[in-house]
Amino acid sequence: MLSTRLQTLVEAGVLERRADPGHAGRHLYELTDAGKALWPAVYTLRAWGERFAAGDGGPSRVFTHDQCGRPLDEVARCGTCGCVPRPENVIVSPVSKPGPHSRTAPVALGLLRPHRLLDALPGDDG
């Protein structure tokens, strides 16, 4: 199922598929400019979900503009600069500590630290 979805996104021009130079037979997927242009829409849907569909747990992460360190509003706009930063200029930080039943896979643990939105996480080898 994942392969089919990835192929659909490649065909739609959202992702680009290329060979992984470090692993024969594996591929990496990278956002195209068209995929990056979807960032504000995806972020807005996330904000809507946290506000209306996630219950009263509040946001699990805060997204900030890397140039000024200010949080983004509900439509991915920086309240200080007034711009919508490109996804590679967004820092994601967890809001709270993980619970006792949190996942312990390397990528899940990587999400517990502030990181740039499009950077690979520890343990994310493809």
PDB file of N, CA and C in Angstrom:
ATOM      1  N   MET A   1       0.822  -1.186   0.000  1.00  0.00           N
ATOM      2  CA  MET A   1       0.000   0.000   0.000  1.00  0.00           C
ATOM      3  C   MET A   1       0.877   1.266   0.000  1.00  0.00           C
ATOM      4  N   LEU A   2       1.934   1.270   0.828  1.00  0.00           N
ATOM      5  CA  LEU A   2       2.821   2.435   0.877  1.00  0.00           C
ATOM      6  C   LEU A   2       3.466   2.684  -0.481  1.00  0.00           C
ATOM      7  N   SER A   3       3.916   1.631  -1.135  1.00  0.00           N
ATOM      8  CA  SER A   3       4.540   1.784  -2.458  1.00  0.00           C
ATOM      9  C   SER A   3       3.579   2.417  -3.453  1.00  0.00           C
ATOM     10  N   THR A   4       2.322   2.002  -3.406  1.00  0.00           N
ATOM     11  CA  THR A   4       1.313   2.557  -4.316  1.00  0.00           C
ATOM     12  C   THR A   4       1.101   4.037  -4.038  1.00  0.00           C
ATOM     13  N   ARG A   5       1.026   4.399  -2.778  1.00  0.00           N
ATOM     14  CA  ARG A   5       0.828   5.816  -2.427  1.00  0.00           C
ATOM     15  C   ARG A   5       2.034   6.660  -2.819  1.00  0.00           C
ATOM     16  N   LEU A   6       3.222   6.141  -2.567  1.00  0.00           N
ATOM     17  CA  LEU A   6       4.427   6.872  -2.965  1.00  0.00           C
ATOM     18  C   LEU A   6       4.472   7.054  -4.479  1.00  0.00           C
ATOM     19  N   GLN A   7       4.147   6.009  -5.234  1.00  0.00           N
ATOM     20  CA  GLN A   7       4.151   6.105  -6.690  1.00  0.00           C
ATOM     21  C   GLN A   7       3.122   7.130  -7.175  1.00  0.00           C
ATOM     22  N   THR A   8       1.970   7.182  -6.530  1.00  0.00           N
ATOM     23  CA  THR A   8       0.943   8.172  -6.884  1.00  0.00           C
ATOM     24  C   THR A   8       1.469   9.589  -6.668  1.00  0.00           C
ATOM     25  N   LEU A   9       2.192   9.812  -5.564  1.00  0.00           N
ATOM     26  CA  LEU A   9       2.747  11.132  -5.285  1.00  0.00           C
ATOM     27  C   LEU A   9       3.866  11.482  -6.268  1.00  0.00           C
ATOM     28  N   VAL A  10       4.638  10.494  -6.692  1.00  0.00           N
ATOM     29  CA  VAL A  10       5.665  10.726  -7.714  1.00  0.00           C
ATOM     30  C   VAL A  10       4.993  11.112  -9.028  1.00  0.00           C
ATOM     31  N   GLU A  11       3.975  10.359  -9.424  1.00  0.00           N
ATOM     32  CA  GLU A  11       3.263  10.639 -10.676  1.00  0.00           C
ATOM     33  C   GLU A  11       2.582  12.001 -10.661  1.00  0.00           C
ATOM     34  N   ALA A  12       2.145  12.440  -9.476  1.00  0.00           N
ATOM     35  CA  ALA A  12       1.502  13.747  -9.346  1.00  0.00           C
ATOM     36  C   ALA A  12       2.511  14.890  -9.280  1.00  0.00           C
ATOM     37  N   GLY A  13       3.807  14.561  -9.205  1.00  0.00           N
ATOM     38  CA  GLY A  13       4.829  15.595  -9.156  1.00  0.00           C
ATOM     39  C   GLY A  13       5.079  16.169  -7.780  1.00  0.00           C
ATOM     40  N   VAL A  14       4.588  15.485  -6.734  1.00  0.00           N
ATOM     41  CA  VAL A  14       4.782  15.951  -5.358  1.00  0.00           C
ATOM     42  C   VAL A  14       6.109  15.459  -4.805  1.00  0.00           C
ATOM     43  N   LEU A  15       6.488  14.242  -5.176  1.00  0.00           N
ATOM     44  CA  LEU A  15       7.747  13.650  -4.734  1.00  0.00           C
ATOM     45  C   LEU A  15       8.601  13.277  -5.933  1.00  0.00           C
ATOM     46  N   GLU A  16       9.907  13.226  -5.682  1.00  0.00           N
ATOM     47  CA  GLU A  16      10.848  12.739  -6.684  1.00  0.00           C
ATOM     48  C   GLU A  16      11.511  11.487  -6.103  1.00  0.00           C
ATOM     49  N   ARG A  17      11.577  10.439  -6.890  1.00  0.00           N
ATOM     50  CA  ARG A  17      12.188   9.186  -6.454  1.00  0.00           C
ATOM     51  C   ARG A  17      13.577   9.074  -7.092  1.00  0.00           C
ATOM     52  N   ARG A  18      14.567   8.738  -6.252  1.00  0.00           N
ATOM     53  CA  ARG A  18      15.912   8.559  -6.789  1.00  0.00           C
ATOM     54  C   ARG A  18      16.593   7.415  -6.048  1.00  0.00           C
ATOM     55  N   ALA A  19      17.578   6.830  -6.697  1.00  0.00           N
ATOM     56  CA  ALA A  19      18.314   5.716  -6.099  1.00  0.00           C
ATOM     57  C   ALA A  19      19.073   6.201  -4.864  1.00  0.00           C
ATOM     58  N   ASP A  20      19.101   5.370  -3.838  1.00  0.00           N
ATOM     59  CA  ASP A  20      19.864   5.663  -2.622  1.00  0.00           C
ATOM     60  C   ASP A  20      21.307   5.247  -2.878  1.00  0.00           C
ATOM     61  N   PRO A  21      22.245   6.199  -2.927  1.00  0.00           N
ATOM     62  CA  PRO A  21      23.634   5.847  -3.235  1.00  0.00           C
ATOM     63  C   PRO A  21      24.273   4.936  -2.192  1.00  0.00           C
ATOM     64  N   GLY A  22      23.764   4.930  -0.987  1.00  0.00           N
ATOM     65  CA  GLY A  22      24.348   4.117   0.077  1.00  0.00           C
ATOM     66  C   GLY A  22      23.769   2.723   0.183  1.00  0.00           C
ATOM     67  N   HIS A  23      22.665   2.458  -0.514  1.00  0.00           N
ATOM     68  CA  HIS A  23      22.010   1.151  -0.399  1.00  0.00           C
ATOM     69  C   HIS A  23      21.499   0.715  -1.771  1.00  0.00           C
ATOM     70  N   ALA A  24      22.173  -0.254  -2.368  1.00  0.00           N
ATOM     71  CA  ALA A  24      21.759  -0.748  -3.685  1.00  0.00           C
ATOM     72  C   ALA A  24      20.335  -1.297  -3.613  1.00  0.00           C
ATOM     73  N   GLY A  25      19.535  -0.947  -4.604  1.00  0.00           N
ATOM     74  CA  GLY A  25      18.166  -1.446  -4.680  1.00  0.00           C
ATOM     75  C   GLY A  25      17.162  -0.642  -3.873  1.00  0.00           C
ATOM     76  N   ARG A  26      17.622   0.329  -3.093  1.00  0.00           N
ATOM     77  CA  ARG A  26      16.707   1.172  -2.300  1.00  0.00           C
ATOM     78  C   ARG A  26      16.560   2.521  -2.963  1.00  0.00           C
ATOM     79  N   HIS A  27      15.492   3.212  -2.601  1.00  0.00           N
ATOM     80  CA  HIS A  27      15.236   4.533  -3.165  1.00  0.00           C
ATOM     81  C   HIS A  27      14.946   5.544  -2.072  1.00  0.00           C
ATOM     82  N   LEU A  28      15.224   6.788  -2.368  1.00  0.00           N
ATOM     83  CA  LEU A  28      14.903   7.917  -1.496  1.00  0.00           C
ATOM     84  C   LEU A  28      13.815   8.734  -2.174  1.00  0.00           C
ATOM     85  N   TYR A  29      12.990   9.367  -1.371  1.00  0.00           N
ATOM     86  CA  TYR A  29      11.934  10.229  -1.892  1.00  0.00           C
ATOM     87  C   TYR A  29      12.159  11.628  -1.343  1.00  0.00           C
ATOM     88  N   GLU A  30      12.077  12.605  -2.224  1.00  0.00           N
ATOM     89  CA  GLU A  30      12.299  13.991  -1.825  1.00  0.00           C
ATOM     90  C   GLU A  30      11.172  14.852  -2.386  1.00  0.00           C
ATOM     91  N   LEU A  31      10.758  15.836  -1.595  1.00  0.00           N
ATOM     92  CA  LEU A  31       9.722  16.748  -2.063  1.00  0.00           C
ATOM     93  C   LEU A  31      10.215  17.563  -3.254  1.00  0.00           C
ATOM     94  N   THR A  32       9.361  17.720  -4.233  1.00  0.00           N
ATOM     95  CA  THR A  32       9.640  18.610  -5.357  1.00  0.00           C
ATOM     96  C   THR A  32       9.206  20.019  -4.950  1.00  0.00           C
ATOM     97  N   ASP A  33       9.426  20.995  -5.810  1.00  0.00           N
ATOM     98  CA  ASP A  33       8.930  22.343  -5.525  1.00  0.00           C
ATOM     99  C   ASP A  33       7.412  22.330  -5.394  1.00  0.00           C
ATOM    100  N   ALA A  34       6.740  21.513  -6.221  1.00  0.00           N
ATOM    101  CA  ALA A  34       5.276  21.397  -6.110  1.00  0.00           C
ATOM    102  C   ALA A  34       4.885  20.822  -4.749  1.00  0.00           C
ATOM    103  N   GLY A  35       5.642  19.823  -4.271  1.00  0.00           N
ATOM    104  CA  GLY A  35       5.371  19.244  -2.956  1.00  0.00           C
ATOM    105  C   GLY A  35       5.583  20.245  -1.838  1.00  0.00           C
ATOM    106  N   LYS A  36       6.650  21.032  -1.946  1.00  0.00           N
ATOM    107  CA  LYS A  36       6.915  22.060  -0.927  1.00  0.00           C
ATOM    108  C   LYS A  36       5.831  23.131  -0.927  1.00  0.00           C
ATOM    109  N   ALA A  37       5.248  23.391  -2.088  1.00  0.00           N
ATOM    110  CA  ALA A  37       4.179  24.389  -2.177  1.00  0.00           C
ATOM    111  C   ALA A  37       2.917  23.932  -1.444  1.00  0.00           C
ATOM    112  N   LEU A  38       2.785  22.629  -1.185  1.00  0.00           N
ATOM    113  CA  LEU A  38       1.648  22.106  -0.421  1.00  0.00           C
ATOM    114  C   LEU A  38       1.777  22.357   1.080  1.00  0.00           C
ATOM    115  N   TRP A  39       2.962  22.730   1.540  1.00  0.00           N
ATOM    116  CA  TRP A  39       3.239  22.904   2.965  1.00  0.00           C
ATOM    117  C   TRP A  39       2.187  23.733   3.701  1.00  0.00           C
ATOM    118  N   PRO A  40       1.814  24.935   3.248  1.00  0.00           N
ATOM    119  CA  PRO A  40       0.827  25.701   4.024  1.00  0.00           C
ATOM    120  C   PRO A  40      -0.521  24.984   4.152  1.00  0.00           C
ATOM    121  N   ALA A  41      -0.951  24.299   3.103  1.00  0.00           N
ATOM    122  CA  ALA A  41      -2.230  23.579   3.165  1.00  0.00           C
ATOM    123  C   ALA A  41      -2.166  22.413   4.146  1.00  0.00           C
ATOM    124  N   VAL A  42      -1.073  21.649   4.106  1.00  0.00           N
ATOM    125  CA  VAL A  42      -0.916  20.515   5.013  1.00  0.00           C
ATOM    126  C   VAL A  42      -0.832  21.009   6.458  1.00  0.00           C
ATOM    127  N   TYR A  43      -0.087  22.085   6.680  1.00  0.00           N
ATOM    128  CA  TYR A  43       0.047  22.646   8.026  1.00  0.00           C
ATOM    129  C   TYR A  43      -1.309  23.121   8.551  1.00  0.00           C
ATOM    130  N   THR A  44      -2.084  23.786   7.691  1.00  0.00           N
ATOM    131  CA  THR A  44      -3.401  24.282   8.095  1.00  0.00           C
ATOM    132  C   THR A  44      -4.329  23.129   8.464  1.00  0.00           C
ATOM    133  N   LEU A  45      -4.288  22.028   7.711  1.00  0.00           N
ATOM    134  CA  LEU A  45      -5.088  20.849   8.055  1.00  0.00           C
ATOM    135  C   LEU A  45      -4.650  20.265   9.396  1.00  0.00           C
ATOM    136  N   ARG A  46      -3.350  20.246   9.658  1.00  0.00           N
ATOM    137  CA  ARG A  46      -2.848  19.773  10.951  1.00  0.00           C
ATOM    138  C   ARG A  46      -3.364  20.646  12.085  1.00  0.00           C
ATOM    139  N   ALA A  47      -3.304  21.956  11.887  1.00  0.00           N
ATOM    140  CA  ALA A  47      -3.789  22.887  12.913  1.00  0.00           C
ATOM    141  C   ALA A  47      -5.284  22.686  13.158  1.00  0.00           C
ATOM    142  N   TRP A  48      -6.053  22.485  12.093  1.00  0.00           N
ATOM    143  CA  TRP A  48      -7.489  22.243  12.227  1.00  0.00           C
ATOM    144  C   TRP A  48      -7.719  20.965  13.034  1.00  0.00           C
ATOM    145  N   GLY A  49      -6.985  19.912  12.707  1.00  0.00           N
ATOM    146  CA  GLY A  49      -7.144  18.645  13.408  1.00  0.00           C
ATOM    147  C   GLY A  49      -6.831  18.764  14.890  1.00  0.00           C
ATOM    148  N   GLU A  50      -5.778  19.492  15.222  1.00  0.00           N
ATOM    149  CA  GLU A  50      -5.443  19.668  16.633  1.00  0.00           C
ATOM    150  C   GLU A  50      -6.507  20.492  17.355  1.00  0.00           C
ATOM    151  N   ARG A  51      -7.115  21.406  16.664  1.00  0.00           N
ATOM    152  CA  ARG A  51      -8.131  22.263  17.298  1.00  0.00           C
ATOM    153  C   ARG A  51      -9.480  21.572  17.435  1.00  0.00           C
ATOM    154  N   PHE A  52      -9.900  20.845  16.406  1.00  0.00           N
ATOM    155  CA  PHE A  52     -11.262  20.318  16.397  1.00  0.00           C
ATOM    156  C   PHE A  52     -11.374  18.805  16.515  1.00  0.00           C
ATOM    157  N   ALA A  53     -10.351  18.056  16.138  1.00  0.00           N
ATOM    158  CA  ALA A  53     -10.496  16.607  16.092  1.00  0.00           C
ATOM    159  C   ALA A  53      -9.651  15.860  17.116  1.00  0.00           C
ATOM    160  N   ALA A  54      -8.696  16.503  17.713  1.00  0.00           N
ATOM    161  CA  ALA A  54      -7.774  15.796  18.611  1.00  0.00           C
ATOM    162  C   ALA A  54      -8.223  15.803  20.062  1.00  0.00           C
ATOM    163  N   GLY A  55      -9.387  16.332  20.356  1.00  0.00           N
ATOM    164  CA  GLY A  55      -9.822  16.419  21.745  1.00  0.00           C
ATOM    165  C   GLY A  55      -9.166  17.607  22.426  1.00  0.00           C
ATOM    166  N   ASP A  56      -9.046  17.557  23.726  1.00  0.00           N
ATOM    167  CA  ASP A  56      -8.482  18.695  24.455  1.00  0.00           C
ATOM    168  C   ASP A  56      -7.048  18.435  24.900  1.00  0.00           C
ATOM    169  N   GLY A  57      -6.338  17.560  24.196  1.00  0.00           N
ATOM    170  CA  GLY A  57      -4.949  17.300  24.549  1.00  0.00           C
ATOM    171  C   GLY A  57      -4.008  18.417  24.155  1.00  0.00           C
ATOM    172  N   GLY A  58      -4.447  19.299  23.261  1.00  0.00           N
ATOM    173  CA  GLY A  58      -3.596  20.392  22.808  1.00  0.00           C
ATOM    174  C   GLY A  58      -2.576  19.905  21.803  1.00  0.00           C
ATOM    175  N   PRO A  59      -1.817  20.844  21.242  1.00  0.00           N
ATOM    176  CA  PRO A  59      -0.832  20.468  20.226  1.00  0.00           C
ATOM    177  C   PRO A  59       0.295  19.632  20.824  1.00  0.00           C
ATOM    178  N   SER A  60       0.803  18.699  20.023  1.00  0.00           N
ATOM    179  CA  SER A  60       1.912  17.862  20.484  1.00  0.00           C
ATOM    180  C   SER A  60       3.261  18.452  20.067  1.00  0.00           C
ATOM    181  N   ARG A  61       3.216  19.351  19.077  1.00  0.00           N
ATOM    182  CA  ARG A  61       4.440  19.980  18.581  1.00  0.00           C
ATOM    183  C   ARG A  61       4.170  21.448  18.289  1.00  0.00           C
ATOM    184  N   VAL A  62       5.255  22.226  18.357  1.00  0.00           N
ATOM    185  CA  VAL A  62       5.176  23.622  17.955  1.00  0.00           C
ATOM    186  C   VAL A  62       6.099  23.802  16.752  1.00  0.00           C
ATOM    187  N   PHE A  63       5.633  24.567  15.783  1.00  0.00           N
ATOM    188  CA  PHE A  63       6.378  24.827  14.559  1.00  0.00           C
ATOM    189  C   PHE A  63       6.808  26.294  14.593  1.00  0.00           C
ATOM    190  N   THR A  64       8.110  26.543  14.435  1.00  0.00           N
ATOM    191  CA  THR A  64       8.619  27.909  14.506  1.00  0.00           C
ATOM    192  C   THR A  64       9.425  28.252  13.258  1.00  0.00           C
ATOM    193  N   HIS A  65       9.470  29.551  12.970  1.00  0.00           N
ATOM    194  CA  HIS A  65      10.252  30.072  11.851  1.00  0.00           C
ATOM    195  C   HIS A  65      11.713  30.103  12.290  1.00  0.00           C
ATOM    196  N   ASP A  66      12.607  29.495  11.523  1.00  0.00           N
ATOM    197  CA  ASP A  66      14.010  29.400  11.938  1.00  0.00           C
ATOM    198  C   ASP A  66      14.708  30.752  12.020  1.00  0.00           C
ATOM    199  N   GLN A  67      14.264  31.744  11.247  1.00  0.00           N
ATOM    200  CA  GLN A  67      14.960  33.030  11.223  1.00  0.00           C
ATOM    201  C   GLN A  67      14.674  33.896  12.445  1.00  0.00           C
ATOM    202  N   CYS A  68      13.477  33.778  13.015  1.00  0.00           N
ATOM    203  CA  CYS A  68      13.173  34.629  14.170  1.00  0.00           C
ATOM    204  C   CYS A  68      12.771  33.837  15.412  1.00  0.00           C
ATOM    205  N   GLY A  69      12.554  32.523  15.248  1.00  0.00           N
ATOM    206  CA  GLY A  69      12.226  31.682  16.393  1.00  0.00           C
ATOM    207  C   GLY A  69      10.802  31.814  16.890  1.00  0.00           C
ATOM    208  N   ARG A  70       9.944  32.468  16.130  1.00  0.00           N
ATOM    209  CA  ARG A  70       8.555  32.672  16.563  1.00  0.00           C
ATOM    210  C   ARG A  70       7.649  31.570  16.028  1.00  0.00           C
ATOM    211  N   PRO A  71       6.634  31.169  16.806  1.00  0.00           N
ATOM    212  CA  PRO A  71       5.706  30.129  16.349  1.00  0.00           C
ATOM    213  C   PRO A  71       4.882  30.588  15.148  1.00  0.00           C
ATOM    214  N   LEU A  72       4.472  29.598  14.354  1.00  0.00           N
ATOM    215  CA  LEU A  72       3.606  29.863  13.213  1.00  0.00           C
ATOM    216  C   LEU A  72       2.151  29.879  13.674  1.00  0.00           C
ATOM    217  N   ASP A  73       1.319  30.672  12.988  1.00  0.00           N
ATOM    218  CA  ASP A  73      -0.089  30.712  13.343  1.00  0.00           C
ATOM    219  C   ASP A  73      -0.832  29.560  12.656  1.00  0.00           C
ATOM    220  N   GLU A  74      -2.171  29.578  12.702  1.00  0.00           N
ATOM    221  CA  GLU A  74      -2.972  28.463  12.177  1.00  0.00           C
ATOM    222  C   GLU A  74      -2.862  28.270  10.670  1.00  0.00           C
ATOM    223  N   VAL A  75      -2.363  29.266   9.946  1.00  0.00           N
ATOM    224  CA  VAL A  75      -2.218  29.127   8.490  1.00  0.00           C
ATOM    225  C   VAL A  75      -0.753  29.136   8.061  1.00  0.00           C
ATOM    226  N   ALA A  76       0.140  28.756   8.984  1.00  0.00           N
ATOM    227  CA  ALA A  76       1.580  28.605   8.739  1.00  0.00           C
ATOM    228  C   ALA A  76       2.316  29.922   8.558  1.00  0.00           C
ATOM    229  N   ARG A  77       1.727  31.026   8.973  1.00  0.00           N
ATOM    230  CA  ARG A  77       2.352  32.341   8.848  1.00  0.00           C
ATOM    231  C   ARG A  77       3.098  32.681  10.132  1.00  0.00           C
ATOM    232  N   CYS A  78       4.277  33.263   9.988  1.00  0.00           N
ATOM    233  CA  CYS A  78       5.063  33.732  11.123  1.00  0.00           C
ATOM    234  C   CYS A  78       4.457  35.047  11.609  1.00  0.00           C
ATOM    235  N   GLY A  79       4.085  35.087  12.881  1.00  0.00           N
ATOM    236  CA  GLY A  79       3.457  36.288  13.431  1.00  0.00           C
ATOM    237  C   GLY A  79       4.387  37.482  13.500  1.00  0.00           C
ATOM    238  N   THR A  80       5.682  37.260  13.534  1.00  0.00           N
ATOM    239  CA  THR A  80       6.646  38.350  13.599  1.00  0.00           C
ATOM    240  C   THR A  80       6.996  38.882  12.217  1.00  0.00           C
ATOM    241  N   CYS A  81       7.372  37.979  11.322  1.00  0.00           N
ATOM    242  CA  CYS A  81       7.826  38.377   9.983  1.00  0.00           C
ATOM    243  C   CYS A  81       6.675  38.573   8.999  1.00  0.00           C
ATOM    244  N   GLY A  82       5.545  37.912   9.267  1.00  0.00           N
ATOM    245  CA  GLY A  82       4.416  38.003   8.359  1.00  0.00           C
ATOM    246  C   GLY A  82       4.536  37.117   7.129  1.00  0.00           C
ATOM    247  N   CYS A  83       5.575  36.285   7.061  1.00  0.00           N
ATOM    248  CA  CYS A  83       5.756  35.417   5.893  1.00  0.00           C
ATOM    249  C   CYS A  83       5.314  33.994   6.230  1.00  0.00           C
ATOM    250  N   VAL A  84       5.093  33.203   5.202  1.00  0.00           N
ATOM    251  CA  VAL A  84       4.889  31.764   5.352  1.00  0.00           C
ATOM    252  C   VAL A  84       6.220  31.120   4.971  1.00  0.00           C
ATOM    253  N   PRO A  85       6.988  30.659   5.963  1.00  0.00           N
ATOM    254  CA  PRO A  85       8.299  30.106   5.647  1.00  0.00           C
ATOM    255  C   PRO A  85       8.199  28.823   4.827  1.00  0.00           C
ATOM    256  N   ARG A  86       9.191  28.607   3.990  1.00  0.00           N
ATOM    257  CA  ARG A  86       9.275  27.339   3.256  1.00  0.00           C
ATOM    258  C   ARG A  86       9.485  26.216   4.278  1.00  0.00           C
ATOM    259  N   PRO A  87       9.076  24.995   3.959  1.00  0.00           N
ATOM    260  CA  PRO A  87       9.183  23.924   4.965  1.00  0.00           C
ATOM    261  C   PRO A  87      10.599  23.688   5.474  1.00  0.00           C
ATOM    262  N   GLU A  88      11.606  23.922   4.649  1.00  0.00           N
ATOM    263  CA  GLU A  88      12.982  23.722   5.118  1.00  0.00           C
ATOM    264  C   GLU A  88      13.422  24.804   6.106  1.00  0.00           C
ATOM    265  N   ASN A  89      12.611  25.850   6.278  1.00  0.00           N
ATOM    266  CA  ASN A  89      12.908  26.927   7.224  1.00  0.00           C
ATOM    267  C   ASN A  89      12.027  26.860   8.467  1.00  0.00           C
ATOM    268  N   VAL A  90      11.500  25.665   8.743  1.00  0.00           N
ATOM    269  CA  VAL A  90      10.622  25.471   9.898  1.00  0.00           C
ATOM    270  C   VAL A  90      11.285  24.501  10.864  1.00  0.00           C
ATOM    271  N   ILE A  91      11.276  24.875  12.149  1.00  0.00           N
ATOM    272  CA  ILE A  91      11.798  24.021  13.221  1.00  0.00           C
ATOM    273  C   ILE A  91      10.595  23.416  13.946  1.00  0.00           C
ATOM    274  N   VAL A  92      10.636  22.105  14.154  1.00  0.00           N
ATOM    275  CA  VAL A  92       9.577  21.388  14.862  1.00  0.00           C
ATOM    276  C   VAL A  92      10.113  21.005  16.230  1.00  0.00           C
ATOM    277  N   SER A  93       9.361  21.345  17.281  1.00  0.00           N
ATOM    278  CA  SER A  93       9.775  21.012  18.643  1.00  0.00           C
ATOM    279  C   SER A  93       8.606  20.375  19.382  1.00  0.00           C
ATOM    280  N   PRO A  94       8.887  19.326  20.169  1.00  0.00           N
ATOM    281  CA  PRO A  94       7.807  18.724  20.960  1.00  0.00           C
ATOM    282  C   PRO A  94       7.363  19.680  22.058  1.00  0.00           C
ATOM    283  N   VAL A  95       6.094  19.596  22.421  1.00  0.00           N
ATOM    284  CA  VAL A  95       5.545  20.463  23.466  1.00  0.00           C
ATOM    285  C   VAL A  95       5.743  19.848  24.847  1.00  0.00           C
ATOM    286  N   SER A  96       5.616  18.529  24.933  1.00  0.00           N
ATOM    287  CA  SER A  96       5.701  17.888  26.245  1.00  0.00           C
ATOM    288  C   SER A  96       6.567  16.633  26.174  1.00  0.00           C
ATOM    289  N   LYS A  97       6.848  16.088  27.328  1.00  0.00           N
ATOM    290  CA  LYS A  97       7.630  14.853  27.437  1.00  0.00           C
ATOM    291  C   LYS A  97       6.761  13.672  26.993  1.00  0.00           C
ATOM    292  N   PRO A  98       7.391  12.613  26.475  1.00  0.00           N
ATOM    293  CA  PRO A  98       6.616  11.438  26.062  1.00  0.00           C
ATOM    294  C   PRO A  98       6.007  10.717  27.259  1.00  0.00           C
ATOM    295  N   GLY A  99       4.895  10.056  27.020  1.00  0.00           N
ATOM    296  CA  GLY A  99       4.235   9.286  28.065  1.00  0.00           C
ATOM    297  C   GLY A  99       4.876   7.921  28.236  1.00  0.00           C
ATOM    298  N   PRO A 100       4.404   7.155  29.210  1.00  0.00           N
ATOM    299  CA  PRO A 100       5.000   5.849  29.493  1.00  0.00           C
ATOM    300  C   PRO A 100       4.823   4.834  28.368  1.00  0.00           C
ATOM    301  N   HIS A 101       3.851   5.028  27.495  1.00  0.00           N
ATOM    302  CA  HIS A 101       3.599   4.081  26.416  1.00  0.00           C
ATOM    303  C   HIS A 101       4.068   4.611  25.069  1.00  0.00           C
ATOM    304  N   SER A 102       4.951   5.594  25.076  1.00  0.00           N
ATOM    305  CA  SER A 102       5.451   6.174  23.834  1.00  0.00           C
ATOM    306  C   SER A 102       6.345   5.192  23.095  1.00  0.00           C
ATOM    307  N   ARG A 103       6.385   5.339  21.793  1.00  0.00           N
ATOM    308  CA  ARG A 103       7.227   4.471  20.965  1.00  0.00           C
ATOM    309  C   ARG A 103       8.698   4.764  21.228  1.00  0.00           C
ATOM    310  N   THR A 104       9.530   3.747  21.029  1.00  0.00           N
ATOM    311  CA  THR A 104      10.962   3.898  21.297  1.00  0.00           C
ATOM    312  C   THR A 104      11.820   3.628  20.056  1.00  0.00           C
ATOM    313  N   ALA A 105      11.204   3.548  18.893  1.00  0.00           N
ATOM    314  CA  ALA A 105      11.969   3.372  17.658  1.00  0.00           C
ATOM    315  C   ALA A 105      12.845   4.611  17.448  1.00  0.00           C
ATOM    316  N   PRO A 106      13.988   4.467  16.758  1.00  0.00           N
ATOM    317  CA  PRO A 106      14.903   5.601  16.567  1.00  0.00           C
ATOM    318  C   PRO A 106      14.240   6.849  15.970  1.00  0.00           C
ATOM    319  N   VAL A 107      13.373   6.670  14.977  1.00  0.00           N
ATOM    320  CA  VAL A 107      12.720   7.842  14.377  1.00  0.00           C
ATOM    321  C   VAL A 107      11.781   8.491  15.388  1.00  0.00           C
ATOM    322  N   ALA A 108      11.018   7.693  16.140  1.00  0.00           N
ATOM    323  CA  ALA A 108      10.121   8.245  17.166  1.00  0.00           C
ATOM    324  C   ALA A 108      10.922   9.027  18.204  1.00  0.00           C
ATOM    325  N   LEU A 109      12.067   8.489  18.593  1.00  0.00           N
ATOM    326  CA  LEU A 109      12.921   9.197  19.554  1.00  0.00           C
ATOM    327  C   LEU A 109      13.478  10.479  18.943  1.00  0.00           C
ATOM    328  N   GLY A 110      13.797  10.450  17.648  1.00  0.00           N
ATOM    329  CA  GLY A 110      14.274  11.657  16.971  1.00  0.00           C
ATOM    330  C   GLY A 110      13.243  12.772  16.966  1.00  0.00           C
ATOM    331  N   LEU A 111      11.963  12.400  16.938  1.00  0.00           N
ATOM    332  CA  LEU A 111      10.897  13.404  16.960  1.00  0.00           C
ATOM    333  C   LEU A 111      10.775  14.108  18.312  1.00  0.00           C
ATOM    334  N   LEU A 112      11.436  13.574  19.319  1.00  0.00           N
ATOM    335  CA  LEU A 112      11.390  14.175  20.659  1.00  0.00           C
ATOM    336  C   LEU A 112      12.350  15.343  20.810  1.00  0.00           C
ATOM    337  N   ARG A 113      13.161  15.600  19.791  1.00  0.00           N
ATOM    338  CA  ARG A 113      14.115  16.712  19.829  1.00  0.00           C
ATOM    339  C   ARG A 113      13.736  17.733  18.764  1.00  0.00           C
ATOM    340  N   PRO A 114      14.025  19.002  19.010  1.00  0.00           N
ATOM    341  CA  PRO A 114      13.799  19.993  17.938  1.00  0.00           C
ATOM    342  C   PRO A 114      14.604  19.622  16.690  1.00  0.00           C
ATOM    343  N   HIS A 115      13.987  19.803  15.537  1.00  0.00           N
ATOM    344  CA  HIS A 115      14.648  19.477  14.276  1.00  0.00           C
ATOM    345  C   HIS A 115      14.004  20.267  13.141  1.00  0.00           C
ATOM    346  N   ARG A 116      14.740  20.420  12.067  1.00  0.00           N
ATOM    347  CA  ARG A 116      14.188  21.068  10.877  1.00  0.00           C
ATOM    348  C   ARG A 116      13.184  20.120  10.239  1.00  0.00           C
ATOM    349  N   LEU A 117      12.121  20.684   9.710  1.00  0.00           N
ATOM    350  CA  LEU A 117      11.013  19.897   9.181  1.00  0.00           C
ATOM    351  C   LEU A 117      11.452  18.896   8.120  1.00  0.00           C
ATOM    352  N   LEU A 118      12.335  19.245   7.207  1.00  0.00           N
ATOM    353  CA  LEU A 118      12.696  18.348   6.119  1.00  0.00           C
ATOM    354  C   LEU A 118      13.996  17.582   6.339  1.00  0.00           C
ATOM    355  N   ASP A 119      14.616  17.725   7.501  1.00  0.00           N
ATOM    356  CA  ASP A 119      15.844  16.991   7.772  1.00  0.00           C
ATOM    357  C   ASP A 119      15.536  15.551   8.173  1.00  0.00           C
ATOM    358  N   ALA A 120      16.416  14.640   7.791  1.00  0.00           N
ATOM    359  CA  ALA A 120      16.286  13.247   8.192  1.00  0.00           C
ATOM    360  C   ALA A 120      16.467  13.143   9.701  1.00  0.00           C
ATOM    361  N   LEU A 121      15.771  12.220  10.304  1.00  0.00           N
ATOM    362  CA  LEU A 121      15.878  11.984  11.748  1.00  0.00           C
ATOM    363  C   LEU A 121      16.832  10.830  12.004  1.00  0.00           C
ATOM    364  N   PRO A 122      17.402  10.757  13.214  1.00  0.00           N
ATOM    365  CA  PRO A 122      18.255   9.606  13.534  1.00  0.00           C
ATOM    366  C   PRO A 122      17.463   8.315  13.351  1.00  0.00           C
ATOM    367  N   GLY A 123      18.087   7.335  12.708  1.00  0.00           N
ATOM    368  CA  GLY A 123      17.422   6.069  12.479  1.00  0.00           C
ATOM    369  C   GLY A 123      16.556   6.057  11.237  1.00  0.00           C
ATOM    370  N   ASP A 124      16.443   7.198  10.557  1.00  0.00           N
ATOM    371  CA  ASP A 124      15.651   7.294   9.320  1.00  0.00           C
ATOM    372  C   ASP A 124      16.608   7.105   8.153  1.00  0.00           C
ATOM    373  N   ASP A 125      16.768   5.873   7.723  1.00  0.00           N
ATOM    374  CA  ASP A 125      17.725   5.603   6.662  1.00  0.00           C
ATOM    375  C   ASP A 125      17.026   5.350   5.333  1.00  0.00           C
ATOM    376  N   GLY A 126      16.069   6.188   5.024  1.00  0.00           N
ATOM    377  CA  GLY A 126      15.426   6.061   3.732  1.00  0.00           C
ATOM    378  C   GLY A 126      14.018   6.415   3.845  1.00  0.00           C
TER     379      GLY A 126
END
